[in-house]
Amino acid sequence: MNVAELTDAMHEFVRAMGWYEPDSPRPQSLRNLAISLNLEASEVLEHFQWNEALENREELAGELADVALYLLQLASLAGIDLEQAILAKLKRNYQRKWD
């Protein structure tokens, strides 16, 4: 599956949950999605809070998937082609000087 297909699958799930409905208790605004993305990214850190070693790969995979889903949705609803944004950022990063 590519990024576009993953994005479509994510939208299908969100629609199935009714979260795109105007009266949804979980409004899918850019602000709310950015907050949710940050919260899920913080949950990744919990896996390393008191230990350098990864103890549960499956749970970490679930948290990473949550991060990816919010990222896909945020980019899509903001009208950003995530594939192109990543490629452009990589191109710019090759031009940067890293200390």
Protein backbone atom coordinates (compact mmCIF):
# COMPACT_ATOMS: atom_id res chain seq x y z
CA MET A 1 0.00 0.00 0.00
CA ASN A 2 1.29 3.48 -0.81
CA VAL A 3 0.70 6.76 1.06
CA ALA A 4 -2.39 7.64 -1.01
CA GLU A 5 -3.95 4.23 -0.36
CA LEU A 6 -3.17 4.45 3.36
CA THR A 7 -4.75 7.91 3.42
CA ASP A 8 -7.88 6.58 1.73
CA ALA A 9 -8.08 3.70 4.22
CA MET A 10 -7.69 6.18 7.11
CA HIS A 11 -10.49 8.39 5.74
CA GLU A 12 -12.72 5.33 5.29
CA PHE A 13 -12.20 4.40 8.94
CA VAL A 14 -12.86 7.95 10.21
CA ARG A 15 -16.05 8.13 8.12
CA ALA A 16 -17.16 4.71 9.41
CA MET A 17 -16.74 5.99 13.00
CA GLY A 18 -18.84 9.06 12.15
CA TRP A 19 -16.07 11.45 13.13
CA TYR A 20 -16.48 13.60 10.01
CA GLU A 21 -20.12 14.27 10.91
CA PRO A 22 -20.87 17.88 11.99
CA ASP A 23 -22.17 16.72 15.40
CA SER A 24 -19.26 14.37 16.09
CA PRO A 25 -17.95 14.36 19.67
CA ARG A 26 -14.50 14.14 18.05
CA PRO A 27 -14.37 17.05 15.56
CA GLN A 28 -11.65 16.38 13.01
CA SER A 29 -10.30 19.93 12.81
CA LEU A 30 -6.68 20.66 11.92
CA ARG A 31 -6.13 21.93 15.47
CA ASN A 32 -7.59 18.81 17.08
CA LEU A 33 -5.61 16.54 14.77
CA ALA A 34 -2.35 18.39 15.49
CA ILE A 35 -2.97 17.99 19.22
CA SER A 36 -3.80 14.31 18.80
CA LEU A 37 -0.66 13.77 16.71
CA ASN A 38 1.45 15.30 19.45
CA LEU A 39 -0.23 13.24 22.17
CA GLU A 40 0.30 10.01 20.25
CA ALA A 41 3.95 10.92 19.57
CA SER A 42 4.38 11.42 23.31
CA GLU A 43 3.04 7.92 23.89
CA VAL A 44 5.95 6.62 21.80
CA LEU A 45 8.27 8.11 24.42
CA GLU A 46 6.59 6.14 27.20
CA HIS A 47 8.18 2.99 25.78
CA PHE A 48 11.62 4.39 26.60
CA GLN A 49 10.84 6.49 29.68
CA TRP A 50 12.75 4.37 32.19
CA ASN A 51 14.51 1.90 29.95
CA GLU A 52 16.83 2.13 26.96
CA ALA A 53 15.68 -1.24 25.61
CA LEU A 54 12.46 -1.85 23.73
CA GLU A 55 10.31 -4.13 25.85
CA ASN A 56 7.16 -4.48 23.72
CA ARG A 57 7.62 -4.12 19.98
CA GLU A 58 3.91 -4.76 19.26
CA GLU A 59 2.73 -1.95 21.55
CA LEU A 60 5.31 0.43 20.06
CA ALA A 61 4.13 -0.54 16.57
CA GLY A 62 0.58 0.40 17.59
CA GLU A 63 1.71 3.81 18.84
CA LEU A 64 3.72 4.44 15.68
CA ALA A 65 0.66 3.50 13.62
CA ASP A 66 -1.43 6.01 15.60
CA VAL A 67 1.15 8.71 14.86
CA ALA A 68 1.16 7.81 11.17
CA LEU A 69 -2.64 7.83 10.93
CA TYR A 70 -2.93 11.28 12.50
CA LEU A 71 -0.11 12.53 10.28
CA LEU A 72 -1.83 11.21 7.14
CA GLN A 73 -5.14 12.75 8.15
CA LEU A 74 -3.66 16.12 9.12
CA ALA A 75 -1.75 16.37 5.85
CA SER A 76 -4.75 15.30 3.79
CA LEU A 77 -7.20 17.71 5.41
CA ALA A 78 -4.65 20.55 5.12
CA GLY A 79 -4.33 19.83 1.39
CA ILE A 80 -0.70 18.76 1.67
CA ASP A 81 0.69 16.02 -0.56
CA LEU A 82 2.71 14.25 2.10
CA GLU A 83 4.81 12.25 -0.36
CA GLN A 84 5.85 15.43 -2.16
CA ALA A 85 6.42 17.29 1.11
CA ILE A 86 8.74 14.52 2.33
CA LEU A 87 10.66 14.41 -0.92
CA ALA A 88 11.02 18.21 -0.97
CA LYS A 89 12.21 18.21 2.65
CA LEU A 90 14.78 15.51 1.93
CA LYS A 91 16.04 17.53 -1.04
CA ARG A 92 16.39 20.63 1.16
CA ASN A 93 18.08 18.64 3.90
CA TYR A 94 20.76 17.44 1.49
CA GLN A 95 21.66 21.12 0.99
CA ARG A 96 21.90 21.87 4.71
CA LYS A 97 25.06 21.92 6.76
CA TRP A 98 24.76 19.77 9.86
CA ASP A 99 26.88 20.54 12.93
